[in-house]
Amino acid sequence: MQKEVMIDEFLFSTQKARLNIPYIHQFLSERSYWAKGVPLKLLERSVENSVCIGIYHGDCQIGFSRIITDTATFAYLADVFIDENYRGKGLSKRMMEFIFSFEEMKVLRRFMLATRDAHSLYSKYGFTPLSKPDRFMEKHQPDIYQHIDPSTV
């Protein structure tokens, strides 16, 4: 899924060569609530094995998201962020529109995500609470990055 689109002065791109991995790592490991302390090697592996979307203002990356998917039946949206200096400009909405512009995303049987505070954003794109939460299970290890040796990943 390769695509680039200019929306106003912002470039939305799936080109992994454009991604600023040090910036993404710094944001996720230091400023996110869900990936604090994520080792760089794990982030690099997650990027390698996901569809990634970067948002750029000129040469500067200012947003990111990952989609973990088989591109046929299932996807999981992860690591979504917009730099604090660019929030309030509708970029999260534009990112979601960009994601759903891919034909592969339109035919998925299930598209999931987890959020602490952006329910109103995602509900505009058809996301709802689990209809049958009793069918879903998880193995959640929220502090895993604090208990692993980064040199072993």
Protein backbone atom coordinates (compact mmCIF):
# COMPACT_ATOMS: atom_id res chain seq x y z
CA MET A 1 0.00 0.00 0.00
CA GLN A 2 2.06 2.87 -1.33
CA LYS A 3 0.48 6.28 -1.42
CA GLU A 4 1.31 9.94 -0.96
CA VAL A 5 -1.17 12.81 -0.83
CA MET A 6 -0.72 16.51 -0.16
CA ILE A 7 -3.55 18.00 1.89
CA ASP A 8 -3.08 21.73 2.29
CA GLU A 9 0.60 22.08 3.26
CA PHE A 10 0.85 18.58 4.78
CA LEU A 11 2.12 15.42 3.09
CA PHE A 12 0.57 12.09 4.12
CA SER A 13 2.78 9.21 3.02
CA THR A 14 3.25 5.46 3.44
CA GLN A 15 6.85 5.66 2.20
CA LYS A 16 8.92 4.11 4.98
CA ALA A 17 12.09 5.77 3.65
CA ARG A 18 10.60 9.13 4.69
CA LEU A 19 10.00 8.12 8.31
CA ASN A 20 12.11 9.87 10.94
CA ILE A 21 12.68 6.85 13.16
CA PRO A 22 14.61 8.76 15.88
CA TYR A 23 11.75 11.27 16.16
CA ILE A 24 9.08 8.53 16.25
CA HIS A 25 11.07 6.63 18.86
CA GLN A 26 11.54 9.74 21.00
CA PHE A 27 7.83 10.56 20.86
CA LEU A 28 6.62 7.05 21.63
CA SER A 29 9.22 6.15 24.27
CA GLU A 30 9.14 9.48 26.11
CA ARG A 31 5.85 11.27 25.41
CA SER A 32 3.21 8.61 24.74
CA TYR A 33 1.20 6.97 27.49
CA TRP A 34 1.08 3.58 25.75
CA ALA A 35 4.70 2.92 24.69
CA LYS A 36 6.87 4.53 27.36
CA GLY A 37 10.36 3.11 27.22
CA VAL A 38 9.87 1.11 24.02
CA PRO A 39 13.34 0.01 22.86
CA LEU A 40 14.48 1.39 19.51
CA LYS A 41 15.01 -2.12 18.09
CA LEU A 42 11.39 -3.08 18.88
CA LEU A 43 10.10 0.11 17.28
CA GLU A 44 12.18 -0.57 14.17
CA ARG A 45 10.79 -4.10 13.94
CA SER A 46 7.22 -2.86 14.40
CA VAL A 47 7.69 -0.31 11.59
CA GLU A 48 9.22 -2.94 9.31
CA ASN A 49 6.20 -5.24 9.78
CA SER A 50 3.39 -2.67 9.56
CA VAL A 51 1.82 -0.27 7.13
CA CYS A 52 3.09 3.08 8.39
CA ILE A 53 1.79 6.55 7.74
CA GLY A 54 3.85 9.64 8.28
CA ILE A 55 2.58 13.20 8.20
CA TYR A 56 5.08 15.85 7.15
CA HIS A 57 5.17 19.62 7.14
CA GLY A 58 7.97 20.44 4.72
CA ASP A 59 10.88 18.21 5.70
CA CYS A 60 9.66 17.81 9.28
CA GLN A 61 7.69 14.76 10.40
CA ILE A 62 4.80 15.84 12.62
CA GLY A 63 2.58 12.73 12.84
CA PHE A 64 2.58 8.97 12.65
CA SER A 65 0.42 5.84 12.77
CA ARG A 66 0.86 2.12 12.15
CA ILE A 67 -1.59 -0.41 10.81
CA ILE A 68 -0.93 -4.06 11.63
CA THR A 69 -2.90 -5.97 9.01
CA ASP A 70 -3.23 -8.94 6.71
CA THR A 71 -4.86 -6.47 4.22
CA ALA A 72 -7.77 -8.85 3.75
CA THR A 73 -9.81 -9.43 6.92
CA PHE A 74 -8.23 -7.75 9.94
CA ALA A 75 -6.32 -4.62 10.98
CA TYR A 76 -5.25 -2.97 14.20
CA LEU A 77 -4.48 0.75 14.33
CA ALA A 78 -1.60 1.61 16.66
CA ASP A 79 0.85 4.31 17.71
CA VAL A 80 -1.22 7.21 16.42
CA PHE A 81 0.13 10.63 17.30
CA ILE A 82 0.29 14.22 16.13
CA ASP A 83 3.08 16.43 17.46
CA GLU A 84 1.80 18.78 20.15
CA ASN A 85 2.76 21.83 18.03
CA TYR A 86 0.42 20.72 15.23
CA ARG A 87 -2.65 19.60 17.15
CA GLY A 88 -5.98 21.33 16.58
CA LYS A 89 -5.50 21.52 12.80
CA GLY A 90 -7.67 18.50 11.91
CA LEU A 91 -4.68 16.30 11.10
CA SER A 92 -6.01 13.28 13.01
CA LYS A 93 -9.20 13.42 10.95
CA ARG A 94 -7.21 13.75 7.75
CA MET A 95 -5.07 10.78 8.78
CA MET A 96 -8.19 8.65 9.27
CA GLU A 97 -9.52 9.75 5.88
CA PHE A 98 -6.17 8.85 4.32
CA ILE A 99 -6.26 5.41 5.97
CA PHE A 100 -9.77 4.72 4.71
CA SER A 101 -8.89 5.85 1.19
CA PHE A 102 -7.10 2.50 0.70
CA GLU A 103 -9.30 -0.16 -0.88
CA GLU A 104 -7.75 -2.77 1.43
CA MET A 105 -9.10 -0.92 4.47
CA LYS A 106 -12.65 -0.79 3.07
CA VAL A 107 -13.14 -4.57 2.96
CA LEU A 108 -11.84 -5.57 6.39
CA ARG A 109 -14.16 -7.65 8.53
CA ARG A 110 -12.64 -6.26 11.72
CA PHE A 111 -10.57 -3.12 12.34
CA MET A 112 -9.59 -2.56 15.96
CA LEU A 113 -7.78 -0.01 18.08
CA ALA A 114 -7.34 0.98 21.70
CA THR A 115 -7.55 4.54 22.98
CA ARG A 116 -7.67 6.27 26.32
CA ASP A 117 -9.04 9.60 25.14
CA ALA A 118 -9.89 9.79 21.42
CA HIS A 119 -13.20 7.91 21.30
CA SER A 120 -15.04 10.83 19.69
CA LEU A 121 -12.51 11.00 16.85
CA TYR A 122 -12.65 7.28 16.05
CA SER A 123 -16.43 7.02 16.36
CA LYS A 124 -16.70 9.37 13.36
CA TYR A 125 -15.06 6.62 11.30
CA GLY A 126 -17.30 3.78 12.44
CA PHE A 127 -15.38 2.53 15.49
CA THR A 128 -17.59 1.47 18.41
CA PRO A 129 -17.05 -0.25 21.75
CA LEU A 130 -16.80 -4.03 21.42
CA SER A 131 -20.25 -5.43 20.67
CA LYS A 132 -19.40 -8.74 22.35
CA PRO A 133 -16.59 -8.03 24.80
CA ASP A 134 -17.06 -11.45 26.38
CA ARG A 135 -15.63 -13.00 23.18
CA PHE A 136 -12.36 -11.07 23.31
CA MET A 137 -9.35 -11.80 25.43
CA GLU A 138 -6.02 -10.15 25.78
CA LYS A 139 -2.63 -10.67 27.29
CA HIS A 140 -1.77 -7.15 28.34
CA GLN A 141 1.69 -6.32 29.69
CA PRO A 142 1.66 -2.52 30.00
CA ASP A 143 5.04 -2.31 31.77
CA ILE A 144 6.87 -4.82 29.56
CA TYR A 145 9.43 -2.24 28.31
CA GLN A 146 10.56 -1.53 31.86
CA HIS A 147 11.32 -5.22 32.43
CA ILE A 148 13.23 -6.23 29.32
CA ASP A 149 16.86 -5.76 28.44
CA PRO A 150 16.92 -3.66 25.21
CA SER A 151 20.06 -5.47 24.09
CA THR A 152 18.10 -8.75 23.87
CA VAL A 153 15.43 -7.53 21.47
